[in-house]
Amino acid sequence: MLLNIQPSLENEWIILEPLKEYHFEALYKVAKDPLIWEQHPNHDRYKKAIYAEFFKDSIESKGALVIIDKQNHEIIGSSRFKRLNKLEDAIEIGWSFLARKYWGGTYNKAMKTLMIEHAFQSIHKVVFYIGTENVRSQKAVEKLGGVKITSPTYPDIVKNEDDTLTYLISKYEWERIRDK
C-alpha cells in the first residue's frame, strides 16, 4: 500500500489537514514569532519573505499538513511528510512548528503520534532530521521513542551534515513503547 503523504487525520486534541495556499496568513501569524525559530538552523524564518519561501516549498512538497486546535479551530502550526530517496520503507517527518502556547508536549505528541501511526500503516521506519542546536526538538523526539542513529548503522538514512542529527523510530519499537 502506498503511503498518502498528505492525509486528513485527527484525534482528541488536533486536526491535521493538507496545507493549502489559503492557509498562508493564518499560519504566518504563528510563524512570525522569532522564539519558535531560535534553535532552528533557519533562525530568521519568522521574517515574512523568508517564511513565504518556506511556505511555497511546503505547498510544493505535497506532503505538508496544517495543525488545527480541535477545541477552537485555530491554526496552531504545521508539519510535513517527505519520502526518502531510494528508500521505500522509510519516511521523514519534519519541518514541524507549533505556536508557543502549545509547547509542552501534549500537542506535539498528538501531532507526531497521528503522523507516525499513519506512516506505520504502510512503512516500517520514521526518520527525523534535527539541527544540532535544536535541543527542544531533540528532546521531544526522544520522548516519543526516537533513537539517534549514525552512518555506519544506517548509511542510507543518516545525513552526513555537521549541523544535523538523525533520529529513527522503527515500527517494531513504536508498537513496543507507544502505550507506555
Foldseek 3Di string as FASTA:
>chain_A
DAAQLADWDDDPWKIKHGDDPVCLVLQLVQLLPLVQQCQPPCSRCNDNVNVVVVSVVSNVQSRKIFIATPVPRGTFWIKGWHDAPPDRQEIEIDPTTGRVVPPDQPRVCRVVVRVVVSSVVGHWKYKYKGFPRPVSVVVNVVVQVWDWDDCVVPVSQDDPDPGIIMTMDTPVNNVVPVVD
